[in-house]
Amino acid sequence: MTDIKRNGTERNKAVMGELLRRHGQTYTAEAHIQLRNTPQPLYRTLVLAHLLSARIGASVAVSTSRALHQAGLRNPKRMTEATWQERVDALGRGGYRRYDERTATQLGEGGQILIDHWGGDLRRMRQRADGDADELRRLLRELPGIGPLGTDIFLREVQDVWPEFGPFVDSKALQGAERLGLPQRTADLLRLADEAPRAELASALVRAALDKEVVADCLNRFA
């Protein structure tokens, strides 16, 4: 390995280390979701992906996820049993006012579809997809309000508990890697991240894509 290549690799590894140390928190963790392969945290992660996919700040989406949990709307049954106004009010308390009425409708309809088609358990959807990420995307997009961006967010967050769909580094995460001067290949990013959880890696890169201060925070020491 030439000195130039070695120095570039060492620089990239150092930048990745800073990124993960300072910003390697998943959005589920920020929303106080203890993600594991059980129905409630998986559903809460799906709702969070729905919220994050709108044109609204990530901090507002995270705050709204917490507000829905505090209101008891933490599984499809509770979501559908709540009145539309109760859902609107919970969304508003989280700061999600711009999209509250439409999202309240979508969450109610989506919860009912999950109950009717999947017994309220996203693990059944996982089983149906059988490791096929495109099929999982198709099934998720049958839910109101879950589009391509929402499916990407969900896959990013669940890839450590549903490892057959990983490693998942989507275009937004790769945009973050580009801003940091890091490689654009998933395999290279995984090597730089060593044993870091894949969801933390993807989330950290997304944060770099969304916030120039994250990029500056990681790169200033190498200026």
Foldseek 3Di string as FASTA:
>chain_A
DDPVVVVVLVLQLLLLVLLLVPQLDFLCVLLVQPDAQWLQSLVLQLQLLLLVVDPDDNQLSSLLSNLCVVLVVRFLVSLQPDDLVSQLVSSVVSVNNVCSNVSSVLSNQQSVCCCVPPVRGCVSLVVVCVLPLVSSLVVSVVRPSQDPSSSLSSCLQCCVNVVSSDPRADPLLLLLCVLLVHDSDPVRLCVSNPPPDSSSSNRSSNCSSVDVVSSCSSCVVVD
